[in-house]
């Protein structure tokens, strides 16, 4: 994996760090490949329950590396999109831990994550229009799914930033911290990792996929996805652990 992306594991949580602090973690092809590889690892290793995506040096991600853009480089992966995740996020939960700026492609990386913990001083925006560009990595498509359309329109057309308090008010982020965002993300990840991994994965799957289901098909489609959960070893273990007043020993199957 590229040194532009660092990984470490803590208590079943894979922490993925964009490691280009001198460039405000602007996204390169190598960094995108590193993130994509980390997401593959997250989904393939049973001991990993949750992922955290963050940036080194006090910035989450300032977007596409413009120097690379001028050289003709694209910080995208075929079939996976910008940063290796915006078109194909992992099956397991992914938390963004945001310090400093999440701008342009950096915001698009953030909104591709399932949950967001941000420091109170963080700033968010899609300023592409200020550079004669469009937020093409999901910003203009995905933001209206996550915040009111008129606010998304304002952010896209003005390119202006919003602060963490406003982002929280809009429901764009889950938690605002006075301390390190990564610490808050680890605490949130621990609460998720304590639950049944199969139930967590399928819950995310239903939440994501059901947005496109018709009212007539919702329960049928959901039933197909959740049926294996209810006959799993973990379901029996969860009930037994509750009855026996002990912590469950999850197997993920």
C-alpha atoms as a PDB file:
ATOM      1  CA  UNK A   1       0.000   0.000   0.000  1.00  0.00           C
ATOM      2  CA  UNK A   2       1.205   3.524  -0.786  1.00  0.00           C
ATOM      3  CA  UNK A   3       2.815   5.559   1.988  1.00  0.00           C
ATOM      4  CA  UNK A   4       0.230   8.187   1.042  1.00  0.00           C
ATOM      5  CA  UNK A   5      -2.271   6.059   2.967  1.00  0.00           C
ATOM      6  CA  UNK A   6      -1.540   4.562   6.383  1.00  0.00           C
ATOM      7  CA  UNK A   7      -3.515   1.864   8.179  1.00  0.00           C
ATOM      8  CA  UNK A   8      -3.659   0.546  11.713  1.00  0.00           C
ATOM      9  CA  UNK A   9      -6.003  -1.777  13.575  1.00  0.00           C
ATOM     10  CA  UNK A  10      -7.356  -1.131  17.058  1.00  0.00           C
ATOM     11  CA  UNK A  11      -9.918  -3.453  18.670  1.00  0.00           C
ATOM     12  CA  UNK A  12     -11.466  -4.571  15.409  1.00  0.00           C
ATOM     13  CA  UNK A  13     -11.448  -1.067  13.900  1.00  0.00           C
ATOM     14  CA  UNK A  14      -9.416  -0.337  10.758  1.00  0.00           C
ATOM     15  CA  UNK A  15      -8.131   3.247  10.858  1.00  0.00           C
ATOM     16  CA  UNK A  16      -7.235   4.555   7.401  1.00  0.00           C
ATOM     17  CA  UNK A  17      -5.281   7.818   7.259  1.00  0.00           C
ATOM     18  CA  UNK A  18      -4.691   9.931   4.152  1.00  0.00           C
ATOM     19  CA  UNK A  19      -1.039  10.818   4.656  1.00  0.00           C
ATOM     20  CA  UNK A  20      -0.263  13.881   2.544  1.00  0.00           C
ATOM     21  CA  UNK A  21      -0.279  16.572   5.251  1.00  0.00           C
ATOM     22  CA  UNK A  22       2.022  18.935   3.326  1.00  0.00           C
ATOM     23  CA  UNK A  23      -0.573  19.020   0.536  1.00  0.00           C
ATOM     24  CA  UNK A  24      -3.596  19.214   2.873  1.00  0.00           C
ATOM     25  CA  UNK A  25      -4.226  15.557   1.979  1.00  0.00           C
ATOM     26  CA  UNK A  26      -5.188  16.423  -1.588  1.00  0.00           C
ATOM     27  CA  UNK A  27      -6.163  13.226  -3.369  1.00  0.00           C
ATOM     28  CA  UNK A  28      -3.788  11.544  -5.806  1.00  0.00           C
ATOM     29  CA  UNK A  29      -4.069   8.355  -7.823  1.00  0.00           C
ATOM     30  CA  UNK A  30      -1.744   6.604  -5.373  1.00  0.00           C
ATOM     31  CA  UNK A  31      -3.822   7.711  -2.385  1.00  0.00           C
ATOM     32  CA  UNK A  32      -7.027   6.568  -4.079  1.00  0.00           C
ATOM     33  CA  UNK A  33      -5.475   3.165  -4.715  1.00  0.00           C
ATOM     34  CA  UNK A  34      -4.383   2.970  -1.085  1.00  0.00           C
ATOM     35  CA  UNK A  35      -7.871   3.747   0.182  1.00  0.00           C
ATOM     36  CA  UNK A  36      -9.423   1.208  -2.192  1.00  0.00           C
ATOM     37  CA  UNK A  37      -7.022  -1.469  -0.945  1.00  0.00           C
ATOM     38  CA  UNK A  38      -7.862  -0.601   2.655  1.00  0.00           C
ATOM     39  CA  UNK A  39     -11.588  -0.920   1.948  1.00  0.00           C
ATOM     40  CA  UNK A  40     -11.004  -4.345   0.403  1.00  0.00           C
ATOM     41  CA  UNK A  41      -9.165  -5.354   3.556  1.00  0.00           C
ATOM     42  CA  UNK A  42     -11.981  -4.023   5.757  1.00  0.00           C
ATOM     43  CA  UNK A  43     -14.582  -6.122   3.959  1.00  0.00           C
ATOM     44  CA  UNK A  44     -12.474  -9.261   3.617  1.00  0.00           C
ATOM     45  CA  UNK A  45     -11.120  -9.686   7.153  1.00  0.00           C
ATOM     46  CA  UNK A  46     -13.669 -11.076   9.609  1.00  0.00           C
ATOM     47  CA  UNK A  47     -11.916  -9.575  12.623  1.00  0.00           C
ATOM     48  CA  UNK A  48     -12.453  -6.073  11.282  1.00  0.00           C
ATOM     49  CA  UNK A  49     -15.855  -4.666  12.205  1.00  0.00           C
ATOM     50  CA  UNK A  50     -15.718  -0.943  11.386  1.00  0.00           C
ATOM     51  CA  UNK A  51     -13.534   1.419   9.360  1.00  0.00           C
ATOM     52  CA  UNK A  52     -12.496   4.996  10.096  1.00  0.00           C
ATOM     53  CA  UNK A  53     -11.252   7.326   7.353  1.00  0.00           C
ATOM     54  CA  UNK A  54      -9.279  10.382   8.462  1.00  0.00           C
ATOM     55  CA  UNK A  55      -6.460  12.670   7.383  1.00  0.00           C
ATOM     56  CA  UNK A  56      -3.023  13.442   8.769  1.00  0.00           C
ATOM     57  CA  UNK A  57      -1.824  16.832   9.950  1.00  0.00           C
ATOM     58  CA  UNK A  58      -5.125  18.401  10.985  1.00  0.00           C
ATOM     59  CA  UNK A  59      -6.924  18.259   7.627  1.00  0.00           C
ATOM     60  CA  UNK A  60      -9.336  15.611   6.353  1.00  0.00           C
ATOM     61  CA  UNK A  61      -8.966  16.161   2.599  1.00  0.00           C
ATOM     62  CA  UNK A  62      -8.792  19.334   0.507  1.00  0.00           C
ATOM     63  CA  UNK A  63     -10.024  17.592  -2.647  1.00  0.00           C
ATOM     64  CA  UNK A  64      -8.321  16.619  -5.872  1.00  0.00           C
ATOM     65  CA  UNK A  65      -4.614  17.310  -6.186  1.00  0.00           C
ATOM     66  CA  UNK A  66      -4.682  20.105  -8.761  1.00  0.00           C
ATOM     67  CA  UNK A  67      -1.017  19.650  -9.679  1.00  0.00           C
ATOM     68  CA  UNK A  68      -1.801  16.058 -10.571  1.00  0.00           C
ATOM     69  CA  UNK A  69      -4.871  17.220 -12.495  1.00  0.00           C
ATOM     70  CA  UNK A  70      -2.695  19.520 -14.611  1.00  0.00           C
ATOM     71  CA  UNK A  71      -0.430  16.540 -15.347  1.00  0.00           C
ATOM     72  CA  UNK A  72      -3.442  14.581 -16.575  1.00  0.00           C
ATOM     73  CA  UNK A  73      -3.719  12.371 -13.498  1.00  0.00           C
ATOM     74  CA  UNK A  74      -7.131  11.276 -12.205  1.00  0.00           C
ATOM     75  CA  UNK A  75      -7.442  10.436  -8.488  1.00  0.00           C
ATOM     76  CA  UNK A  76     -10.137   7.864  -9.239  1.00  0.00           C
ATOM     77  CA  UNK A  77     -10.328   4.096  -9.523  1.00  0.00           C
ATOM     78  CA  UNK A  78     -12.275   2.452 -12.342  1.00  0.00           C
ATOM     79  CA  UNK A  79     -15.632   1.294 -10.983  1.00  0.00           C
ATOM     80  CA  UNK A  80     -14.939   2.788  -7.553  1.00  0.00           C
ATOM     81  CA  UNK A  81     -14.693   6.481  -8.277  1.00  0.00           C
ATOM     82  CA  UNK A  82     -12.884   9.341  -6.596  1.00  0.00           C
ATOM     83  CA  UNK A  83     -10.651   8.345  -3.706  1.00  0.00           C
ATOM     84  CA  UNK A  84     -11.405   4.697  -4.367  1.00  0.00           C
ATOM     85  CA  UNK A  85     -14.743   4.733  -2.518  1.00  0.00           C
ATOM     86  CA  UNK A  86     -17.357   7.264  -3.684  1.00  0.00           C
ATOM     87  CA  UNK A  87     -18.961   4.869  -6.173  1.00  0.00           C
ATOM     88  CA  UNK A  88     -18.321   1.670  -4.215  1.00  0.00           C
ATOM     89  CA  UNK A  89     -18.178   2.176  -0.441  1.00  0.00           C
ATOM     90  CA  UNK A  90     -17.362  -0.829   1.748  1.00  0.00           C
ATOM     91  CA  UNK A  91     -20.049  -3.216   2.955  1.00  0.00           C
ATOM     92  CA  UNK A  92     -19.022  -2.642   6.557  1.00  0.00           C
ATOM     93  CA  UNK A  93     -19.632   0.677   8.341  1.00  0.00           C
ATOM     94  CA  UNK A  94     -17.213   3.501   7.568  1.00  0.00           C
ATOM     95  CA  UNK A  95     -16.857   6.583   9.764  1.00  0.00           C
ATOM     96  CA  UNK A  96     -15.248   9.830   8.611  1.00  0.00           C
ATOM     97  CA  UNK A  97     -13.188  11.579  11.307  1.00  0.00           C
ATOM     98  CA  UNK A  98     -12.851  15.165  10.104  1.00  0.00           C
ATOM     99  CA  UNK A  99     -10.341  17.754  11.257  1.00  0.00           C
ATOM    100  CA  UNK A 100      -9.785  21.015   9.408  1.00  0.00           C
ATOM    101  CA  UNK A 101     -11.151  21.021   5.881  1.00  0.00           C
ATOM    102  CA  UNK A 102     -13.377  18.570   4.011  1.00  0.00           C
ATOM    103  CA  UNK A 103     -13.611  20.393   0.710  1.00  0.00           C
ATOM    104  CA  UNK A 104     -14.463  19.501  -2.884  1.00  0.00           C
ATOM    105  CA  UNK A 105     -13.495  15.851  -3.338  1.00  0.00           C
ATOM    106  CA  UNK A 106     -12.767  15.782   0.379  1.00  0.00           C
ATOM    107  CA  UNK A 107     -16.414  16.512   1.119  1.00  0.00           C
ATOM    108  CA  UNK A 108     -17.405  13.895  -1.422  1.00  0.00           C
ATOM    109  CA  UNK A 109     -15.201  11.357   0.362  1.00  0.00           C
ATOM    110  CA  UNK A 110     -16.857  12.324   3.626  1.00  0.00           C
ATOM    111  CA  UNK A 111     -20.430  11.960   2.395  1.00  0.00           C
ATOM    112  CA  UNK A 112     -19.577   8.554   0.929  1.00  0.00           C
ATOM    113  CA  UNK A 113     -18.936   7.437   4.521  1.00  0.00           C
ATOM    114  CA  UNK A 114     -21.805   6.206   6.672  1.00  0.00           C
ATOM    115  CA  UNK A 115     -21.200   8.378   9.722  1.00  0.00           C
ATOM    116  CA  UNK A 116     -19.225  11.562  10.388  1.00  0.00           C
ATOM    117  CA  UNK A 117     -17.486  12.831  13.514  1.00  0.00           C
ATOM    118  CA  UNK A 118     -15.987  16.301  13.144  1.00  0.00           C
ATOM    119  CA  UNK A 119     -13.980  18.692  15.251  1.00  0.00           C
ATOM    120  CA  UNK A 120     -15.738  21.965  16.076  1.00  0.00           C
ATOM    121  CA  UNK A 121     -13.276  23.894  13.895  1.00  0.00           C
ATOM    122  CA  UNK A 122     -13.903  21.816  10.748  1.00  0.00           C
ATOM    123  CA  UNK A 123     -15.106  23.431   7.521  1.00  0.00           C
ATOM    124  CA  UNK A 124     -17.102  21.852   4.694  1.00  0.00           C
ATOM    125  CA  UNK A 125     -17.843  22.813   1.109  1.00  0.00           C
ATOM    126  CA  UNK A 126     -17.827  22.056  -2.611  1.00  0.00           C
ATOM    127  CA  UNK A 127     -15.990  25.105  -4.042  1.00  0.00           C
ATOM    128  CA  UNK A 128     -15.445  23.617  -7.519  1.00  0.00           C
ATOM    129  CA  UNK A 129     -17.489  26.367  -9.208  1.00  0.00           C
ATOM    130  CA  UNK A 130     -14.916  28.889  -7.969  1.00  0.00           C
ATOM    131  CA  UNK A 131     -12.356  27.048 -10.134  1.00  0.00           C
ATOM    132  CA  UNK A 132     -14.609  26.617 -13.152  1.00  0.00           C
ATOM    133  CA  UNK A 133     -15.290  22.967 -12.264  1.00  0.00           C
ATOM    134  CA  UNK A 134     -18.211  20.854 -11.041  1.00  0.00           C
ATOM    135  CA  UNK A 135     -18.315  18.618  -7.960  1.00  0.00           C
ATOM    136  CA  UNK A 136     -18.399  15.535 -10.150  1.00  0.00           C
ATOM    137  CA  UNK A 137     -17.492  12.889  -7.566  1.00  0.00           C
ATOM    138  CA  UNK A 138     -20.994  12.796  -6.119  1.00  0.00           C
ATOM    139  CA  UNK A 139     -21.232  16.213  -4.484  1.00  0.00           C
ATOM    140  CA  UNK A 140     -23.988  17.659  -6.653  1.00  0.00           C
ATOM    141  CA  UNK A 141     -25.824  14.318  -6.744  1.00  0.00           C
ATOM    142  CA  UNK A 142     -25.410  13.040  -3.201  1.00  0.00           C
ATOM    143  CA  UNK A 143     -25.678  16.220  -1.139  1.00  0.00           C
ATOM    144  CA  UNK A 144     -29.422  16.651  -1.896  1.00  0.00           C
ATOM    145  CA  UNK A 145     -29.935  13.142  -0.453  1.00  0.00           C
ATOM    146  CA  UNK A 146     -28.312  14.202   2.817  1.00  0.00           C
ATOM    147  CA  UNK A 147     -29.319  17.846   3.335  1.00  0.00           C
ATOM    148  CA  UNK A 148     -32.182  20.034   2.019  1.00  0.00           C
ATOM    149  CA  UNK A 149     -31.995  20.575  -1.729  1.00  0.00           C
ATOM    150  CA  UNK A 150     -31.956  24.374  -1.498  1.00  0.00           C
ATOM    151  CA  UNK A 151     -28.970  24.289   0.864  1.00  0.00           C
ATOM    152  CA  UNK A 152     -27.166  21.830  -1.405  1.00  0.00           C
ATOM    153  CA  UNK A 153     -27.910  24.165  -4.324  1.00  0.00           C
ATOM    154  CA  UNK A 154     -26.463  27.115  -2.411  1.00  0.00           C
ATOM    155  CA  UNK A 155     -23.272  25.222  -1.572  1.00  0.00           C
ATOM    156  CA  UNK A 156     -22.835  24.058  -5.168  1.00  0.00           C
ATOM    157  CA  UNK A 157     -23.506  27.400  -6.843  1.00  0.00           C
ATOM    158  CA  UNK A 158     -21.679  29.706  -4.420  1.00  0.00           C
ATOM    159  CA  UNK A 159     -18.832  27.391  -3.473  1.00  0.00           C
ATOM    160  CA  UNK A 160     -19.041  28.795   0.047  1.00  0.00           C
ATOM    161  CA  UNK A 161     -18.053  26.831   3.165  1.00  0.00           C
ATOM    162  CA  UNK A 162     -20.119  25.951   6.229  1.00  0.00           C
ATOM    163  CA  UNK A 163     -18.783  25.261   9.707  1.00  0.00           C
ATOM    164  CA  UNK A 164     -19.299  22.204  11.908  1.00  0.00           C
ATOM    165  CA  UNK A 165     -22.165  23.742  13.860  1.00  0.00           C
ATOM    166  CA  UNK A 166     -24.106  24.417  10.654  1.00  0.00           C
ATOM    167  CA  UNK A 167     -23.249  20.976   9.248  1.00  0.00           C
ATOM    168  CA  UNK A 168     -24.563  19.347  12.415  1.00  0.00           C
ATOM    169  CA  UNK A 169     -27.710  21.470  12.306  1.00  0.00           C
ATOM    170  CA  UNK A 170     -28.327  20.285   8.742  1.00  0.00           C
ATOM    171  CA  UNK A 171     -27.769  16.626   9.657  1.00  0.00           C
ATOM    172  CA  UNK A 172     -24.673  16.360   7.476  1.00  0.00           C
ATOM    173  CA  UNK A 173     -22.554  15.140  10.387  1.00  0.00           C
ATOM    174  CA  UNK A 174     -23.363  13.030  13.446  1.00  0.00           C
ATOM    175  CA  UNK A 175     -21.158  14.463  16.168  1.00  0.00           C
ATOM    176  CA  UNK A 176     -19.163  17.627  16.840  1.00  0.00           C
ATOM    177  CA  UNK A 177     -16.190  17.259  19.182  1.00  0.00           C
ATOM    178  CA  UNK A 178     -14.063  19.812  21.000  1.00  0.00           C
ATOM    179  CA  UNK A 179     -11.208  17.318  21.061  1.00  0.00           C
ATOM    180  CA  UNK A 180      -9.736  15.124  18.351  1.00  0.00           C
ATOM    181  CA  UNK A 181     -12.283  13.900  15.826  1.00  0.00           C
ATOM    182  CA  UNK A 182     -10.454  10.569  15.643  1.00  0.00           C
ATOM    183  CA  UNK A 183     -11.054   9.969  19.351  1.00  0.00           C
ATOM    184  CA  UNK A 184     -14.761  10.611  18.870  1.00  0.00           C
ATOM    185  CA  UNK A 185     -14.818   8.338  15.841  1.00  0.00           C
ATOM    186  CA  UNK A 186     -13.111   5.557  17.810  1.00  0.00           C
ATOM    187  CA  UNK A 187     -15.750   5.826  20.534  1.00  0.00           C
ATOM    188  CA  UNK A 188     -18.539   5.611  17.957  1.00  0.00           C
ATOM    189  CA  UNK A 189     -16.803   2.699  16.224  1.00  0.00           C
ATOM    190  CA  UNK A 190     -16.537   0.819  19.518  1.00  0.00           C
ATOM    191  CA  UNK A 191     -20.298   1.131  20.046  1.00  0.00           C
ATOM    192  CA  UNK A 192     -20.903  -0.331  16.584  1.00  0.00           C
ATOM    193  CA  UNK A 193     -18.255  -3.061  16.924  1.00  0.00           C
ATOM    194  CA  UNK A 194     -19.931  -4.284  20.118  1.00  0.00           C
ATOM    195  CA  UNK A 195     -22.971  -5.375  18.083  1.00  0.00           C
ATOM    196  CA  UNK A 196     -23.529  -8.419  15.912  1.00  0.00           C
ATOM    197  CA  UNK A 197     -21.397  -7.931  12.767  1.00  0.00           C
ATOM    198  CA  UNK A 198     -23.848  -9.702  10.448  1.00  0.00           C
ATOM    199  CA  UNK A 199     -26.738  -7.617  11.783  1.00  0.00           C
ATOM    200  CA  UNK A 200     -24.722  -4.419  11.395  1.00  0.00           C
ATOM    201  CA  UNK A 201     -23.694  -5.197   7.820  1.00  0.00           C
ATOM    202  CA  UNK A 202     -27.212  -6.112   6.708  1.00  0.00           C
ATOM    203  CA  UNK A 203     -28.723  -3.116   8.496  1.00  0.00           C
ATOM    204  CA  UNK A 204     -26.413  -0.859   6.486  1.00  0.00           C
ATOM    205  CA  UNK A 205     -27.307  -2.739   3.304  1.00  0.00           C
ATOM    206  CA  UNK A 206     -31.048  -2.273   3.846  1.00  0.00           C
ATOM    207  CA  UNK A 207     -30.653   1.384   4.777  1.00  0.00           C
ATOM    208  CA  UNK A 208     -28.692   2.095   1.615  1.00  0.00           C
ATOM    209  CA  UNK A 209     -30.599  -0.022  -0.886  1.00  0.00           C
ATOM    210  CA  UNK A 210     -34.154   0.600   0.317  1.00  0.00           C
ATOM    211  CA  UNK A 211     -34.070   4.231  -0.794  1.00  0.00           C
ATOM    212  CA  UNK A 212     -34.591   3.006  -4.344  1.00  0.00           C
ATOM    213  CA  UNK A 213     -37.285   0.415  -3.589  1.00  0.00           C
ATOM    214  CA  UNK A 214     -40.947   0.976  -4.411  1.00  0.00           C
ATOM    215  CA  UNK A 215     -43.426   0.941  -1.532  1.00  0.00           C
ATOM    216  CA  UNK A 216     -44.868  -2.327  -2.877  1.00  0.00           C
ATOM    217  CA  UNK A 217     -41.505  -4.078  -2.889  1.00  0.00           C
ATOM    218  CA  UNK A 218     -39.973  -2.799   0.337  1.00  0.00           C
ATOM    219  CA  UNK A 219     -40.861  -5.575   2.746  1.00  0.00           C
ATOM    220  CA  UNK A 220     -40.279  -8.296   0.168  1.00  0.00           C
ATOM    221  CA  UNK A 221     -36.832  -6.973  -0.663  1.00  0.00           C
ATOM    222  CA  UNK A 222     -35.962  -6.415   2.968  1.00  0.00           C
ATOM    223  CA  UNK A 223     -37.073  -9.929   3.832  1.00  0.00           C
ATOM    224  CA  UNK A 224     -34.640 -11.442   1.351  1.00  0.00           C
ATOM    225  CA  UNK A 225     -31.740  -9.575   2.949  1.00  0.00           C
ATOM    226  CA  UNK A 226     -32.590 -10.022   6.620  1.00  0.00           C
ATOM    227  CA  UNK A 227     -33.805 -13.630   6.578  1.00  0.00           C
ATOM    228  CA  UNK A 228     -30.267 -15.062   6.994  1.00  0.00           C
ATOM    229  CA  UNK A 229     -29.704 -12.802  10.011  1.00  0.00           C
ATOM    230  CA  UNK A 230     -32.632 -14.269  11.940  1.00  0.00           C
ATOM    231  CA  UNK A 231     -31.423 -17.857  11.468  1.00  0.00           C
ATOM    232  CA  UNK A 232     -27.756 -17.073  12.092  1.00  0.00           C
ATOM    233  CA  UNK A 233     -25.561 -18.340  14.913  1.00  0.00           C
ATOM    234  CA  UNK A 234     -25.191 -14.733  16.023  1.00  0.00           C
ATOM    235  CA  UNK A 235     -28.947 -14.340  16.460  1.00  0.00           C
ATOM    236  CA  UNK A 236     -29.022 -17.331  18.812  1.00  0.00           C
ATOM    237  CA  UNK A 237     -25.903 -16.082  20.581  1.00  0.00           C
ATOM    238  CA  UNK A 238     -27.428 -12.634  21.088  1.00  0.00           C
ATOM    239  CA  UNK A 239     -30.544 -14.110  22.678  1.00  0.00           C
ATOM    240  CA  UNK A 240     -28.511 -16.490  24.840  1.00  0.00           C
ATOM    241  CA  UNK A 241     -26.184 -13.731  26.006  1.00  0.00           C
ATOM    242  CA  UNK A 242     -29.146 -11.573  26.978  1.00  0.00           C
ATOM    243  CA  UNK A 243     -30.765 -14.401  28.922  1.00  0.00           C
ATOM    244  CA  UNK A 244     -27.496 -15.279  30.644  1.00  0.00           C
ATOM    245  CA  UNK A 245     -26.619 -11.639  31.387  1.00  0.00           C
ATOM    246  CA  UNK A 246     -23.229 -11.751  29.657  1.00  0.00           C
ATOM    247  CA  UNK A 247     -21.488 -10.146  26.704  1.00  0.00           C
ATOM    248  CA  UNK A 248     -22.146 -11.940  23.420  1.00  0.00           C
ATOM    249  CA  UNK A 249     -19.395 -13.810  21.586  1.00  0.00           C
ATOM    250  CA  UNK A 250     -20.082 -12.903  17.988  1.00  0.00           C
ATOM    251  CA  UNK A 251     -18.960 -15.108  15.085  1.00  0.00           C
ATOM    252  CA  UNK A 252     -20.302 -13.061  12.211  1.00  0.00           C
ATOM    253  CA  UNK A 253     -22.314 -15.976  10.879  1.00  0.00           C
END
